[in-house]
Amino acid sequence: METFSVRTRAGNELIDITAEVKSITANSGVQNGLCLVYTPHTTAAITINENADPDVQSDILKGLAHLKLESVHFDHGEGNSPAHLKSSLIGCSETIIIENGKLRLGAWQGIYFCEFDGPRNRKVHVQILVSR
């Protein structure tokens, strides 16, 4: 397993981590298998979405903001319950097929770290699994 850090700058943001994950995959030497990308944080997430148009990332954040989770009275005392819900909605991991040593992402797809309670220093774990 490989781990890398992500430094977030805002309360809510999507950070493209595709290059880091591709590098880990290439360095693994695995030709066929699976790549699991996971974050161990309860107020962050991992997603795969379009990386050709940066408006898509801002639209995802706008859509989540439109849920108006910040207006709900939650019992959790830290005040970050909206971030916990966003993390649960998006999910803390993604699995990508490795074929011929490369991630099998679509032409427009990228891998994103989603911050919902920043700014913070975060971790991303990448586990490469070999197909037999």
Protein backbone atom coordinates (compact mmCIF):
# COMPACT_ATOMS: atom_id res chain seq x y z
CA MET A 1 0.00 0.00 0.00
CA GLU A 2 1.18 3.52 -0.84
CA THR A 3 0.04 6.65 0.99
CA PHE A 4 0.29 10.27 -0.05
CA SER A 5 -0.77 13.54 1.56
CA VAL A 6 -3.22 16.10 0.28
CA ARG A 7 -3.22 19.64 1.67
CA THR A 8 -6.62 21.23 1.20
CA ARG A 9 -7.15 24.98 1.13
CA ALA A 10 -10.92 25.43 1.44
CA GLY A 11 -13.87 24.09 3.37
CA ASN A 12 -15.27 22.43 0.26
CA GLU A 13 -13.14 21.59 -2.75
CA LEU A 14 -12.26 18.84 -5.22
CA ILE A 15 -8.58 18.14 -5.86
CA ASP A 16 -7.45 16.14 -8.88
CA ILE A 17 -5.27 13.27 -7.64
CA THR A 18 -5.23 11.33 -10.92
CA ALA A 19 -1.51 11.86 -11.59
CA GLU A 20 -0.49 10.57 -8.15
CA VAL A 21 -2.66 7.47 -8.48
CA LYS A 22 -1.41 6.79 -12.03
CA SER A 23 2.20 7.08 -10.83
CA ILE A 24 1.64 4.62 -7.98
CA THR A 25 -0.06 2.23 -10.41
CA ALA A 26 2.78 2.48 -12.95
CA ASN A 27 5.45 2.00 -10.27
CA SER A 28 3.69 -1.10 -8.93
CA GLY A 29 4.53 -3.08 -12.05
CA VAL A 30 1.11 -4.71 -11.98
CA GLN A 31 -0.21 -5.34 -15.49
CA ASN A 32 -3.75 -6.49 -14.66
CA GLY A 33 -5.65 -6.00 -11.45
CA LEU A 34 -7.45 -3.41 -9.40
CA CYS A 35 -6.46 -0.10 -7.87
CA LEU A 36 -8.27 0.82 -4.67
CA VAL A 37 -8.13 4.52 -3.74
CA TYR A 38 -9.28 5.19 -0.16
CA THR A 39 -9.29 8.08 2.28
CA PRO A 40 -9.53 7.35 6.03
CA HIS A 41 -11.36 10.58 6.87
CA THR A 42 -15.02 10.91 7.85
CA THR A 43 -15.43 14.38 6.35
CA ALA A 44 -13.75 13.74 3.01
CA ALA A 45 -14.38 11.49 0.01
CA ILE A 46 -12.99 10.04 -3.21
CA THR A 47 -14.85 10.26 -6.52
CA ILE A 48 -14.31 9.73 -10.23
CA ASN A 49 -15.74 12.33 -12.57
CA GLU A 50 -14.96 14.52 -15.57
CA ASN A 51 -11.57 16.22 -15.55
CA ALA A 52 -11.72 18.01 -18.92
CA ASP A 53 -13.92 20.93 -17.81
CA PRO A 54 -13.23 22.48 -14.38
CA ASP A 55 -16.84 23.68 -14.30
CA VAL A 56 -17.85 20.09 -13.52
CA GLN A 57 -16.01 20.18 -10.18
CA SER A 58 -17.55 23.51 -9.21
CA ASP A 59 -20.97 22.23 -10.32
CA ILE A 60 -20.61 19.18 -8.07
CA LEU A 61 -19.85 21.48 -5.14
CA LYS A 62 -22.76 23.77 -6.08
CA GLY A 63 -25.08 20.77 -6.25
CA LEU A 64 -24.03 19.58 -2.81
CA ALA A 65 -24.43 23.12 -1.45
CA HIS A 66 -27.92 23.21 -2.91
CA LEU A 67 -28.87 20.43 -0.48
CA LYS A 68 -28.58 23.14 2.19
CA LEU A 69 -27.26 20.72 4.80
CA GLU A 70 -25.80 23.66 6.72
CA SER A 71 -29.35 24.81 7.53
CA VAL A 72 -30.25 21.55 9.30
CA HIS A 73 -29.97 21.46 13.10
CA PHE A 74 -27.75 18.45 13.81
CA ASP A 75 -26.96 16.93 17.21
CA HIS A 76 -23.24 16.38 16.54
CA GLY A 77 -21.48 19.05 18.57
CA GLU A 78 -18.50 19.75 16.30
CA GLY A 79 -20.61 21.60 13.73
CA ASN A 80 -19.35 19.56 10.79
CA SER A 81 -22.29 17.20 10.28
CA PRO A 82 -22.86 18.50 6.73
CA ALA A 83 -19.32 17.32 5.91
CA HIS A 84 -20.03 13.88 7.38
CA LEU A 85 -23.17 13.56 5.25
CA LYS A 86 -21.39 14.69 2.07
CA SER A 87 -18.65 12.15 2.75
CA SER A 88 -21.24 9.40 3.11
CA LEU A 89 -23.07 10.46 -0.04
CA ILE A 90 -19.91 10.49 -2.20
CA GLY A 91 -18.07 7.65 -0.47
CA CYS A 92 -14.56 7.19 0.89
CA SER A 93 -13.17 4.99 -1.91
CA GLU A 94 -13.11 4.12 -5.61
CA THR A 95 -11.89 0.99 -7.37
CA ILE A 96 -10.37 1.27 -10.84
CA ILE A 97 -9.46 -1.58 -13.19
CA ILE A 98 -5.79 -1.89 -14.19
CA GLU A 99 -5.28 -3.25 -17.69
CA ASN A 100 -1.91 -3.57 -19.40
CA GLY A 101 -0.30 -1.60 -16.57
CA LYS A 102 -2.62 1.40 -16.86
CA LEU A 103 -5.72 2.62 -15.08
CA ARG A 104 -8.78 1.92 -17.20
CA LEU A 105 -10.31 5.39 -16.78
CA GLY A 106 -12.63 6.82 -19.40
CA ALA A 107 -11.37 9.51 -21.77
CA TRP A 108 -12.79 12.32 -19.63
CA GLN A 109 -12.42 10.77 -16.18
CA GLY A 110 -10.21 11.87 -13.33
CA ILE A 111 -9.89 10.83 -9.70
CA TYR A 112 -10.73 13.47 -7.11
CA PHE A 113 -10.14 13.95 -3.43
CA CYS A 114 -13.21 15.72 -2.04
CA GLU A 115 -12.71 17.99 0.95
CA PHE A 116 -15.81 18.91 2.96
CA ASP A 117 -14.28 20.16 6.23
CA GLY A 118 -11.08 21.98 5.34
CA PRO A 119 -8.57 23.32 5.16
CA ARG A 120 -6.72 20.27 6.45
CA ASN A 121 -3.84 17.89 5.87
CA ARG A 122 -5.32 14.63 4.56
CA LYS A 123 -4.14 11.16 3.58
CA VAL A 124 -4.99 8.99 0.59
CA HIS A 125 -4.16 5.28 0.56
CA VAL A 126 -3.71 3.39 -2.72
CA GLN A 127 -3.73 -0.42 -2.73
CA ILE A 128 -2.90 -2.31 -5.91
CA LEU A 129 -4.44 -5.77 -6.20
CA VAL A 130 -3.10 -8.29 -8.72
CA SER A 131 -5.42 -10.28 -11.00
CA ARG A 132 -4.53 -13.90 -11.55
